[in-house]
Amino acid sequence: MAMTQTRRLGIFLALALVMAATRIHHFAAMPDASWAVFFLAGFWLRGSARWAFPLLMAEAVLVDYLVITGQGMDFWSHYCVSPAYWALVPAYASLWLGGNWLARHQRGLHVSTLGLAAVALLAGELVCYVISNGSFYWVSNSVPQPRSLGAWAVNLGDWYLPFLGTTALYVAIGAVLHVLVIQLARTLGHAAPRGLRH
């Protein structure tokens, strides 16, 4: 199925909507899908990083700003916002690159693609987690002194599996939708009159 600019825009808007709807709550009943959104965007929007990645980053910051200020707090004095907050750019970029790597190396709907997807997701998510968690731990004033590698390792262990599980769940939902759309397109393509097939 050819990836037209209209399809790219539609995918971008759908991913942006999912991130906006879930990032508002972070740890609520519907956890934040931001990490999965950047991974899936890297996969589906390959070649569109110049515009899609900055727009998704801007959306993430805007949602955070609206949520924090909507609670009557100053954005820059919030617990989660510090100089480490800007490390989210390379952190999310690692997820985008993981999805992009998968897009370049996958061979369609095959079992091998599932293995590649697992590798790409685990690698991108691990790098993202180490950058985001590490920058917050070592740079943010919200973390009490003294700091140590041992305490950071404990902190890493406390949050790693929940972040991995949430990201993997959303990526799995995206993968199922991907397969369904491709199968539907194939079915419709076979059902169309010969002159209307692409």
N, C-alpha and C. Protein backbone atom coordinates (compact mmCIF):
# COMPACT_ATOMS: atom_id res chain seq x y z
N MET A 1 0.85 -1.18 0.00
CA MET A 1 0.00 0.00 0.00
C MET A 1 0.90 1.24 0.00
N ALA A 2 0.75 2.07 -1.01
CA ALA A 2 1.59 3.26 -1.14
C ALA A 2 1.28 4.26 -0.03
N MET A 3 2.35 4.88 0.49
CA MET A 3 2.18 5.87 1.56
C MET A 3 2.13 7.25 0.93
N THR A 4 0.93 7.72 0.65
CA THR A 4 0.74 9.04 0.07
C THR A 4 0.85 10.10 1.16
N GLN A 5 0.98 11.35 0.73
CA GLN A 5 1.06 12.44 1.70
C GLN A 5 -0.23 12.56 2.51
N THR A 6 -1.36 12.26 1.88
CA THR A 6 -2.64 12.29 2.59
C THR A 6 -2.67 11.23 3.68
N ARG A 7 -2.18 10.03 3.37
CA ARG A 7 -2.13 8.97 4.38
C ARG A 7 -1.17 9.34 5.50
N ARG A 8 -0.03 9.91 5.15
CA ARG A 8 0.92 10.34 6.19
C ARG A 8 0.26 11.35 7.13
N LEU A 9 -0.43 12.30 6.56
CA LEU A 9 -1.09 13.32 7.38
C LEU A 9 -2.16 12.69 8.26
N GLY A 10 -2.92 11.75 7.71
CA GLY A 10 -3.95 11.07 8.50
C GLY A 10 -3.36 10.29 9.66
N ILE A 11 -2.26 9.58 9.39
CA ILE A 11 -1.57 8.83 10.46
C ILE A 11 -1.04 9.78 11.51
N PHE A 12 -0.42 10.88 11.06
CA PHE A 12 0.11 11.86 12.00
C PHE A 12 -1.00 12.40 12.91
N LEU A 13 -2.12 12.77 12.32
CA LEU A 13 -3.22 13.32 13.11
C LEU A 13 -3.78 12.30 14.10
N ALA A 14 -3.86 11.04 13.68
CA ALA A 14 -4.35 10.00 14.58
C ALA A 14 -3.39 9.81 15.76
N LEU A 15 -2.09 9.77 15.47
CA LEU A 15 -1.10 9.62 16.54
C LEU A 15 -1.10 10.82 17.47
N ALA A 16 -1.21 12.02 16.90
CA ALA A 16 -1.25 13.23 17.72
C ALA A 16 -2.47 13.24 18.63
N LEU A 17 -3.59 12.75 18.12
CA LEU A 17 -4.81 12.68 18.93
C LEU A 17 -4.64 11.69 20.08
N VAL A 18 -4.06 10.54 19.80
CA VAL A 18 -3.82 9.53 20.85
C VAL A 18 -2.90 10.11 21.93
N MET A 19 -1.85 10.79 21.51
CA MET A 19 -0.93 11.35 22.50
C MET A 19 -1.62 12.42 23.33
N ALA A 20 -2.38 13.29 22.70
CA ALA A 20 -3.07 14.35 23.45
C ALA A 20 -4.06 13.76 24.44
N ALA A 21 -4.79 12.73 24.02
CA ALA A 21 -5.82 12.14 24.87
C ALA A 21 -5.24 11.40 26.07
N THR A 22 -4.05 10.83 25.90
CA THR A 22 -3.48 10.03 27.00
C THR A 22 -2.43 10.78 27.81
N ARG A 23 -1.74 11.73 27.22
CA ARG A 23 -0.68 12.44 27.93
C ARG A 23 -1.27 13.35 29.02
N ILE A 24 -2.49 13.73 28.86
CA ILE A 24 -3.15 14.58 29.85
C ILE A 24 -3.18 13.91 31.21
N HIS A 25 -3.28 12.59 31.23
CA HIS A 25 -3.48 11.87 32.48
C HIS A 25 -2.22 11.20 33.02
N HIS A 26 -1.23 10.94 32.19
CA HIS A 26 0.02 10.26 32.55
C HIS A 26 -0.20 8.91 33.21
N PHE A 27 -0.48 8.86 34.50
CA PHE A 27 -0.58 7.58 35.20
C PHE A 27 -2.01 7.20 35.54
N ALA A 28 -2.97 7.76 34.86
CA ALA A 28 -4.38 7.46 35.14
C ALA A 28 -4.76 6.12 34.54
N ALA A 29 -6.09 5.85 34.51
CA ALA A 29 -6.58 4.56 34.00
C ALA A 29 -6.12 4.31 32.57
N MET A 30 -6.02 5.37 31.76
CA MET A 30 -5.49 5.25 30.40
C MET A 30 -4.10 5.88 30.39
N PRO A 31 -3.06 5.07 30.56
CA PRO A 31 -1.70 5.63 30.70
C PRO A 31 -1.21 6.33 29.44
N ASP A 32 -0.20 7.14 29.63
CA ASP A 32 0.39 7.96 28.57
C ASP A 32 0.94 7.09 27.44
N ALA A 33 0.53 7.39 26.22
CA ALA A 33 0.97 6.64 25.04
C ALA A 33 2.10 7.33 24.29
N SER A 34 2.67 8.39 24.86
CA SER A 34 3.66 9.20 24.13
C SER A 34 4.82 8.38 23.59
N TRP A 35 5.36 7.48 24.40
CA TRP A 35 6.52 6.71 23.94
C TRP A 35 6.15 5.84 22.74
N ALA A 36 5.01 5.20 22.80
CA ALA A 36 4.57 4.37 21.68
C ALA A 36 4.28 5.22 20.45
N VAL A 37 3.73 6.40 20.67
CA VAL A 37 3.42 7.30 19.55
C VAL A 37 4.70 7.64 18.78
N PHE A 38 5.78 7.97 19.49
CA PHE A 38 7.02 8.31 18.79
C PHE A 38 7.61 7.10 18.08
N PHE A 39 7.50 5.92 18.67
CA PHE A 39 8.00 4.71 18.01
C PHE A 39 7.19 4.43 16.75
N LEU A 40 5.87 4.44 16.87
CA LEU A 40 5.01 4.16 15.72
C LEU A 40 5.14 5.24 14.64
N ALA A 41 5.32 6.48 15.07
CA ALA A 41 5.53 7.55 14.08
C ALA A 41 6.82 7.32 13.31
N GLY A 42 7.87 6.89 13.99
CA GLY A 42 9.11 6.57 13.29
C GLY A 42 8.93 5.48 12.26
N PHE A 43 8.04 4.52 12.57
CA PHE A 43 7.78 3.42 11.65
C PHE A 43 6.89 3.87 10.49
N TRP A 44 5.76 4.47 10.81
CA TRP A 44 4.78 4.81 9.78
C TRP A 44 5.12 6.08 9.00
N LEU A 45 5.82 7.01 9.63
CA LEU A 45 6.08 8.30 8.98
C LEU A 45 7.54 8.43 8.55
N ARG A 46 8.15 7.32 8.24
CA ARG A 46 9.53 7.32 7.77
C ARG A 46 9.67 8.29 6.59
N GLY A 47 10.66 9.15 6.67
CA GLY A 47 10.85 10.15 5.63
C GLY A 47 10.15 11.47 5.92
N SER A 48 9.40 11.52 7.02
CA SER A 48 8.68 12.74 7.38
C SER A 48 9.19 13.34 8.69
N ALA A 49 10.36 12.92 9.12
CA ALA A 49 10.88 13.35 10.43
C ALA A 49 11.07 14.86 10.51
N ARG A 50 11.37 15.50 9.38
CA ARG A 50 11.65 16.95 9.40
C ARG A 50 10.46 17.75 9.91
N TRP A 51 9.25 17.27 9.62
CA TRP A 51 8.08 18.02 10.10
C TRP A 51 7.32 17.28 11.20
N ALA A 52 7.24 15.95 11.11
CA ALA A 52 6.42 15.21 12.06
C ALA A 52 7.04 15.16 13.46
N PHE A 53 8.34 14.92 13.54
CA PHE A 53 8.97 14.82 14.86
C PHE A 53 8.89 16.15 15.63
N PRO A 54 9.27 17.29 15.01
CA PRO A 54 9.14 18.56 15.76
C PRO A 54 7.71 18.88 16.17
N LEU A 55 6.74 18.55 15.32
CA LEU A 55 5.34 18.82 15.67
C LEU A 55 4.88 17.96 16.84
N LEU A 56 5.28 16.69 16.85
CA LEU A 56 4.92 15.84 17.98
C LEU A 56 5.61 16.30 19.26
N MET A 57 6.86 16.74 19.16
CA MET A 57 7.56 17.27 20.35
C MET A 57 6.85 18.52 20.85
N ALA A 58 6.49 19.40 19.94
CA ALA A 58 5.79 20.63 20.34
C ALA A 58 4.46 20.30 21.00
N GLU A 59 3.77 19.30 20.47
CA GLU A 59 2.51 18.89 21.08
C GLU A 59 2.73 18.37 22.49
N ALA A 60 3.75 17.55 22.68
CA ALA A 60 4.03 16.99 24.01
C ALA A 60 4.27 18.11 25.02
N VAL A 61 5.08 19.10 24.65
CA VAL A 61 5.37 20.22 25.54
C VAL A 61 4.10 21.04 25.79
N LEU A 62 3.33 21.28 24.73
CA LEU A 62 2.10 22.06 24.88
C LEU A 62 1.11 21.38 25.83
N VAL A 63 0.94 20.06 25.67
CA VAL A 63 0.03 19.34 26.57
C VAL A 63 0.52 19.44 28.01
N ASP A 64 1.83 19.24 28.22
CA ASP A 64 2.38 19.36 29.58
C ASP A 64 2.12 20.76 30.13
N TYR A 65 2.36 21.76 29.30
CA TYR A 65 2.16 23.15 29.75
C TYR A 65 0.70 23.39 30.13
N LEU A 66 -0.22 22.95 29.30
CA LEU A 66 -1.64 23.17 29.57
C LEU A 66 -2.10 22.43 30.82
N VAL A 67 -1.61 21.21 31.01
CA VAL A 67 -2.00 20.44 32.20
C VAL A 67 -1.46 21.10 33.46
N ILE A 68 -0.19 21.48 33.44
CA ILE A 68 0.44 22.06 34.64
C ILE A 68 -0.16 23.42 34.97
N THR A 69 -0.25 24.30 33.99
CA THR A 69 -0.80 25.63 34.27
C THR A 69 -2.30 25.56 34.54
N GLY A 70 -2.97 24.56 33.99
CA GLY A 70 -4.39 24.37 34.25
C GLY A 70 -4.68 23.99 35.70
N GLN A 71 -3.66 23.48 36.36
CA GLN A 71 -3.77 23.14 37.79
C GLN A 71 -3.34 24.31 38.67
N GLY A 72 -3.11 25.46 38.04
CA GLY A 72 -2.74 26.65 38.80
C GLY A 72 -1.28 26.70 39.22
N MET A 73 -0.43 25.87 38.58
CA MET A 73 0.99 25.85 38.93
C MET A 73 1.82 26.53 37.85
N ASP A 74 2.98 27.02 38.25
CA ASP A 74 3.93 27.58 37.30
C ASP A 74 4.64 26.44 36.58
N PHE A 75 4.67 26.49 35.25
CA PHE A 75 5.25 25.41 34.46
C PHE A 75 6.69 25.12 34.88
N TRP A 76 7.50 26.17 35.01
CA TRP A 76 8.92 25.99 35.24
C TRP A 76 9.27 25.57 36.66
N SER A 77 8.31 25.69 37.59
CA SER A 77 8.60 25.26 38.96
C SER A 77 7.95 23.91 39.29
N HIS A 78 7.34 23.27 38.30
CA HIS A 78 6.71 21.97 38.52
C HIS A 78 7.76 20.89 38.78
N TYR A 79 7.39 19.88 39.54
CA TYR A 79 8.27 18.78 39.92
C TYR A 79 8.93 18.13 38.70
N CYS A 80 8.16 17.93 37.64
CA CYS A 80 8.68 17.21 36.47
C CYS A 80 9.46 18.09 35.48
N VAL A 81 9.44 19.39 35.69
CA VAL A 81 10.09 20.30 34.73
C VAL A 81 11.37 20.86 35.35
N SER A 82 12.46 20.63 34.67
CA SER A 82 13.78 21.09 35.09
C SER A 82 14.63 21.15 33.83
N PRO A 83 15.90 21.51 33.92
CA PRO A 83 16.74 21.42 32.71
C PRO A 83 16.72 20.03 32.09
N ALA A 84 16.46 19.00 32.91
CA ALA A 84 16.39 17.63 32.40
C ALA A 84 15.20 17.42 31.47
N TYR A 85 14.20 18.28 31.56
CA TYR A 85 13.00 18.14 30.73
C TYR A 85 13.37 18.14 29.25
N TRP A 86 14.39 18.90 28.89
CA TRP A 86 14.76 19.00 27.48
C TRP A 86 15.48 17.76 26.97
N ALA A 87 15.85 16.88 27.89
CA ALA A 87 16.42 15.59 27.47
C ALA A 87 15.35 14.70 26.83
N LEU A 88 14.09 15.11 26.95
CA LEU A 88 13.04 14.35 26.27
C LEU A 88 13.21 14.38 24.75
N VAL A 89 13.86 15.39 24.23
CA VAL A 89 14.06 15.46 22.77
C VAL A 89 14.91 14.27 22.30
N PRO A 90 16.13 14.07 22.84
CA PRO A 90 16.88 12.88 22.40
C PRO A 90 16.24 11.58 22.86
N ALA A 91 15.54 11.60 24.00
CA ALA A 91 14.89 10.39 24.48
C ALA A 91 13.81 9.94 23.49
N TYR A 92 12.94 10.87 23.11
CA TYR A 92 11.89 10.53 22.15
C TYR A 92 12.47 10.25 20.77
N ALA A 93 13.57 10.90 20.44
CA ALA A 93 14.22 10.64 19.15
C ALA A 93 14.70 9.19 19.07
N SER A 94 15.13 8.63 20.20
CA SER A 94 15.58 7.23 20.19
C SER A 94 14.42 6.29 19.87
N LEU A 95 13.23 6.63 20.33
CA LEU A 95 12.06 5.83 19.99
C LEU A 95 11.73 5.97 18.51
N TRP A 96 11.77 7.20 18.02
CA TRP A 96 11.53 7.45 16.59
C TRP A 96 12.52 6.65 15.74
N LEU A 97 13.80 6.68 16.12
CA LEU A 97 14.82 5.96 15.36
C LEU A 97 14.61 4.45 15.42
N GLY A 98 14.11 3.95 16.56
CA GLY A 98 13.79 2.53 16.65
C GLY A 98 12.70 2.14 15.67
N GLY A 99 11.65 2.94 15.61
CA GLY A 99 10.59 2.67 14.65
C GLY A 99 11.06 2.82 13.22
N ASN A 100 11.92 3.80 12.97
CA ASN A 100 12.46 4.02 11.63
C ASN A 100 13.34 2.86 11.20
N TRP A 101 14.16 2.37 12.14
CA TRP A 101 15.01 1.20 11.85
C TRP A 101 14.16 0.00 11.47
N LEU A 102 13.07 -0.21 12.22
CA LEU A 102 12.17 -1.32 11.93
C LEU A 102 11.56 -1.17 10.53
N ALA A 103 11.14 0.05 10.18
CA ALA A 103 10.54 0.28 8.86
C ALA A 103 11.51 -0.05 7.74
N ARG A 104 12.80 0.22 7.96
CA ARG A 104 13.80 -0.04 6.92
C ARG A 104 14.18 -1.51 6.81
N HIS A 105 14.02 -2.27 7.89
CA HIS A 105 14.50 -3.65 7.90
C HIS A 105 13.40 -4.71 7.85
N GLN A 106 12.17 -4.35 8.09
CA GLN A 106 11.08 -5.34 8.07
C GLN A 106 10.78 -5.77 6.64
N ARG A 107 10.23 -6.96 6.52
CA ARG A 107 9.93 -7.52 5.20
C ARG A 107 8.45 -7.86 5.06
N GLY A 108 7.59 -7.00 5.59
CA GLY A 108 6.16 -7.24 5.47
C GLY A 108 5.62 -8.09 6.60
N LEU A 109 4.48 -8.70 6.37
CA LEU A 109 3.79 -9.47 7.40
C LEU A 109 4.37 -10.87 7.51
N HIS A 110 5.52 -10.96 8.17
CA HIS A 110 6.19 -12.23 8.38
C HIS A 110 6.55 -12.36 9.85
N VAL A 111 6.79 -13.59 10.29
CA VAL A 111 7.18 -13.84 11.68
C VAL A 111 8.48 -13.12 12.01
N SER A 112 9.41 -13.05 11.04
CA SER A 112 10.68 -12.38 11.29
C SER A 112 10.48 -10.91 11.64
N THR A 113 9.44 -10.30 11.08
CA THR A 113 9.17 -8.90 11.37
C THR A 113 8.80 -8.72 12.84
N LEU A 114 8.12 -9.69 13.42
CA LEU A 114 7.76 -9.63 14.83
C LEU A 114 9.01 -9.60 15.71
N GLY A 115 9.99 -10.43 15.36
CA GLY A 115 11.26 -10.43 16.10
C GLY A 115 12.00 -9.11 15.96
N LEU A 116 12.03 -8.57 14.74
CA LEU A 116 12.68 -7.28 14.51
C LEU A 116 11.96 -6.18 15.28
N ALA A 117 10.63 -6.26 15.33
CA ALA A 117 9.85 -5.25 16.06
C ALA A 117 10.19 -5.28 17.54
N ALA A 118 10.32 -6.49 18.09
CA ALA A 118 10.66 -6.62 19.51
C ALA A 118 12.03 -6.03 19.79
N VAL A 119 13.00 -6.32 18.93
CA VAL A 119 14.36 -5.78 19.11
C VAL A 119 14.36 -4.26 19.02
N ALA A 120 13.70 -3.74 17.98
CA ALA A 120 13.67 -2.29 17.78
C ALA A 120 12.98 -1.58 18.94
N LEU A 121 11.87 -2.15 19.41
CA LEU A 121 11.13 -1.53 20.51
C LEU A 121 11.93 -1.59 21.81
N LEU A 122 12.51 -2.75 22.12
CA LEU A 122 13.29 -2.87 23.35
C LEU A 122 14.50 -1.94 23.35
N ALA A 123 15.18 -1.85 22.21
CA ALA A 123 16.37 -0.98 22.14
C ALA A 123 15.97 0.48 22.24
N GLY A 124 14.99 0.90 21.45
CA GLY A 124 14.56 2.30 21.48
C GLY A 124 14.00 2.69 22.83
N GLU A 125 13.22 1.80 23.43
CA GLU A 125 12.62 2.09 24.72
C GLU A 125 13.66 2.14 25.83
N LEU A 126 14.65 1.26 25.77
CA LEU A 126 15.70 1.26 26.78
C LEU A 126 16.52 2.54 26.73
N VAL A 127 16.91 2.95 25.53
CA VAL A 127 17.68 4.20 25.39
C VAL A 127 16.85 5.39 25.86
N CYS A 128 15.58 5.42 25.46
CA CYS A 128 14.69 6.50 25.89
C CYS A 128 14.58 6.54 27.40
N TYR A 129 14.43 5.37 28.01
CA TYR A 129 14.25 5.30 29.45
C TYR A 129 15.51 5.76 30.19
N VAL A 130 16.67 5.30 29.74
CA VAL A 130 17.92 5.69 30.40
C VAL A 130 18.14 7.19 30.27
N ILE A 131 17.87 7.76 29.09
CA ILE A 131 18.05 9.20 28.91
C ILE A 131 17.07 9.99 29.77
N SER A 132 15.79 9.64 29.71
CA SER A 132 14.79 10.43 30.43
C SER A 132 14.92 10.24 31.94
N ASN A 133 15.06 9.02 32.38
CA ASN A 133 15.18 8.77 33.82
C ASN A 133 16.52 9.28 34.35
N GLY A 134 17.58 9.03 33.61
CA GLY A 134 18.91 9.45 34.05
C GLY A 134 19.04 10.95 34.12
N SER A 135 18.54 11.64 33.11
CA SER A 135 18.65 13.11 33.14
C SER A 135 17.85 13.68 34.30
N PHE A 136 16.67 13.12 34.56
CA PHE A 136 15.86 13.61 35.68
C PHE A 136 16.58 13.34 37.01
N TYR A 137 17.10 12.14 37.14
CA TYR A 137 17.76 11.78 38.41
C TYR A 137 18.99 12.64 38.67
N TRP A 138 19.82 12.83 37.65
CA TRP A 138 21.10 13.50 37.86
C TRP A 138 21.03 15.02 37.75
N VAL A 139 20.04 15.57 37.05
CA VAL A 139 20.02 17.02 36.80
C VAL A 139 18.92 17.73 37.59
N SER A 140 17.78 17.06 37.79
CA SER A 140 16.64 17.73 38.41
C SER A 140 16.89 18.06 39.89
N ASN A 141 16.45 19.24 40.30
CA ASN A 141 16.52 19.61 41.71
C ASN A 141 15.47 18.89 42.54
N SER A 142 14.53 18.21 41.88
CA SER A 142 13.48 17.49 42.60
C SER A 142 13.99 16.22 43.27
N VAL A 143 15.14 15.73 42.82
CA VAL A 143 15.72 14.53 43.42
C VAL A 143 16.62 14.95 44.57
N PRO A 144 16.36 14.41 45.77
CA PRO A 144 17.14 14.83 46.94
C PRO A 144 18.59 14.37 46.87
N GLN A 145 19.44 15.14 47.48
CA GLN A 145 20.86 14.79 47.61
C GLN A 145 21.02 13.89 48.83
N PRO A 146 22.06 13.10 48.95
CA PRO A 146 23.08 12.85 47.94
C PRO A 146 22.59 11.84 46.90
N ARG A 147 23.16 11.91 45.71
CA ARG A 147 22.82 10.99 44.64
C ARG A 147 23.94 9.98 44.48
N SER A 148 23.57 8.80 44.02
CA SER A 148 24.59 7.76 43.82
C SER A 148 24.16 6.83 42.70
N LEU A 149 25.12 6.13 42.12
CA LEU A 149 24.80 5.18 41.06
C LEU A 149 23.90 4.07 41.59
N GLY A 150 24.12 3.65 42.82
CA GLY A 150 23.29 2.60 43.41
C GLY A 150 21.84 3.04 43.54
N ALA A 151 21.63 4.26 44.03
CA ALA A 151 20.27 4.77 44.18
C ALA A 151 19.61 4.95 42.82
N TRP A 152 20.40 5.39 41.83
CA TRP A 152 19.85 5.54 40.49
C TRP A 152 19.44 4.18 39.92
N ALA A 153 20.26 3.16 40.16
CA ALA A 153 19.93 1.82 39.67
C ALA A 153 18.62 1.33 40.27
N VAL A 154 18.41 1.62 41.56
CA VAL A 154 17.14 1.25 42.20
C VAL A 154 15.99 1.99 41.54
N ASN A 155 16.18 3.28 41.29
CA ASN A 155 15.16 4.09 40.65
C ASN A 155 14.85 3.57 39.24
N LEU A 156 15.89 3.22 38.51
CA LEU A 156 15.70 2.65 37.17
C LEU A 156 14.84 1.38 37.25
N GLY A 157 15.17 0.52 38.20
CA GLY A 157 14.44 -0.74 38.35
C GLY A 157 12.99 -0.55 38.74
N ASP A 158 12.72 0.48 39.55
CA ASP A 158 11.36 0.72 40.02
C ASP A 158 10.40 1.05 38.89
N TRP A 159 10.88 1.78 37.88
CA TRP A 159 9.98 2.31 36.87
C TRP A 159 10.11 1.65 35.50
N TYR A 160 11.17 0.85 35.28
CA TYR A 160 11.44 0.34 33.94
C TYR A 160 10.30 -0.53 33.40
N LEU A 161 9.90 -1.55 34.16
CA LEU A 161 8.88 -2.47 33.65
C LEU A 161 7.53 -1.80 33.41
N PRO A 162 7.06 -0.91 34.28
CA PRO A 162 5.80 -0.22 33.96
C PRO A 162 5.87 0.58 32.66
N PHE A 163 6.98 1.29 32.44
CA PHE A 163 7.12 2.06 31.20
C PHE A 163 7.20 1.13 29.99
N LEU A 164 7.97 0.04 30.12
CA LEU A 164 8.09 -0.92 29.03
C LEU A 164 6.75 -1.56 28.72
N GLY A 165 6.02 -1.97 29.75
CA GLY A 165 4.74 -2.63 29.55
C GLY A 165 3.73 -1.73 28.86
N THR A 166 3.64 -0.48 29.31
CA THR A 166 2.70 0.46 28.70
C THR A 166 3.05 0.72 27.24
N THR A 167 4.32 0.96 26.98
CA THR A 167 4.76 1.22 25.60
C THR A 167 4.50 0.02 24.71
N ALA A 168 4.84 -1.17 25.20
CA ALA A 168 4.64 -2.40 24.40
C ALA A 168 3.17 -2.63 24.12
N LEU A 169 2.30 -2.35 25.08
CA LEU A 169 0.86 -2.54 24.88
C LEU A 169 0.34 -1.64 23.77
N TYR A 170 0.70 -0.36 23.82
CA TYR A 170 0.24 0.56 22.78
C TYR A 170 0.84 0.21 21.41
N VAL A 171 2.10 -0.20 21.38
CA VAL A 171 2.71 -0.58 20.09
C VAL A 171 2.03 -1.83 19.55
N ALA A 172 1.67 -2.76 20.43
CA ALA A 172 0.97 -3.97 19.99
C ALA A 172 -0.39 -3.61 19.38
N ILE A 173 -1.10 -2.67 20.00
CA ILE A 173 -2.37 -2.22 19.43
C ILE A 173 -2.14 -1.60 18.05
N GLY A 174 -1.08 -0.78 17.94
CA GLY A 174 -0.74 -0.19 16.65
C GLY A 174 -0.40 -1.25 15.62
N ALA A 175 0.31 -2.31 16.04
CA ALA A 175 0.69 -3.38 15.11
C ALA A 175 -0.54 -4.14 14.62
N VAL A 176 -1.47 -4.41 15.53
CA VAL A 176 -2.71 -5.10 15.14
C VAL A 176 -3.48 -4.24 14.12
N LEU A 177 -3.60 -2.95 14.39
CA LEU A 177 -4.29 -2.06 13.45
C LEU A 177 -3.57 -2.04 12.10
N HIS A 178 -2.25 -2.05 12.13
CA HIS A 178 -1.44 -2.05 10.91
C HIS A 178 -1.77 -3.28 10.06
N VAL A 179 -1.77 -4.44 10.71
CA VAL A 179 -2.06 -5.69 10.00
C VAL A 179 -3.48 -5.68 9.44
N LEU A 180 -4.43 -5.23 10.25
CA LEU A 180 -5.83 -5.19 9.80
C LEU A 180 -6.01 -4.28 8.58
N VAL A 181 -5.36 -3.10 8.63
CA VAL A 181 -5.48 -2.17 7.50
C VAL A 181 -4.85 -2.76 6.24
N ILE A 182 -3.70 -3.41 6.37
CA ILE A 182 -3.05 -4.01 5.20
C ILE A 182 -3.91 -5.14 4.62
N GLN A 183 -4.44 -5.97 5.52
CA GLN A 183 -5.29 -7.08 5.04
C GLN A 183 -6.56 -6.55 4.37
N LEU A 184 -7.14 -5.50 4.95
CA LEU A 184 -8.33 -4.90 4.35
C LEU A 184 -8.01 -4.32 2.98
N ALA A 185 -6.87 -3.63 2.87
CA ALA A 185 -6.47 -3.05 1.59
C ALA A 185 -6.26 -4.14 0.55
N ARG A 186 -5.66 -5.26 0.95
CA ARG A 186 -5.45 -6.37 0.02
C ARG A 186 -6.79 -6.96 -0.42
N THR A 187 -7.70 -7.12 0.53
CA THR A 187 -9.01 -7.68 0.21
C THR A 187 -9.77 -6.77 -0.76
N LEU A 188 -9.77 -5.48 -0.46
CA LEU A 188 -10.45 -4.52 -1.33
C LEU A 188 -9.78 -4.45 -2.69
N GLY A 189 -8.46 -4.59 -2.71
CA GLY A 189 -7.73 -4.56 -3.98
C GLY A 189 -8.09 -5.73 -4.86
N HIS A 190 -8.27 -6.93 -4.25
CA HIS A 190 -8.65 -8.11 -5.03
C HIS A 190 -10.10 -8.03 -5.48
N ALA A 191 -10.92 -7.34 -4.67
CA ALA A 191 -12.34 -7.26 -5.01
C ALA A 191 -12.64 -6.19 -6.04
N ALA A 192 -11.74 -5.22 -6.23
CA ALA A 192 -11.99 -4.12 -7.16
C ALA A 192 -11.90 -4.61 -8.59
N PRO A 193 -12.64 -3.98 -9.50
CA PRO A 193 -12.52 -4.30 -10.93
C PRO A 193 -11.07 -4.08 -11.38
N ARG A 194 -10.64 -4.87 -12.36
CA ARG A 194 -9.26 -4.84 -12.78
C ARG A 194 -8.77 -3.43 -13.10
N GLY A 195 -9.57 -2.60 -13.73
CA GLY A 195 -9.16 -1.26 -14.13
C GLY A 195 -9.00 -0.29 -12.96
N LEU A 196 -9.58 -0.65 -11.80
CA LEU A 196 -9.52 0.25 -10.66
C LEU A 196 -8.42 -0.11 -9.68
N ARG A 197 -7.74 -1.23 -9.88
CA ARG A 197 -6.68 -1.65 -8.97
C ARG A 197 -5.44 -0.82 -9.19
N HIS A 198 -4.68 -0.58 -8.10
CA HIS A 198 -3.44 0.20 -8.19
C HIS A 198 -2.25 -0.72 -8.07
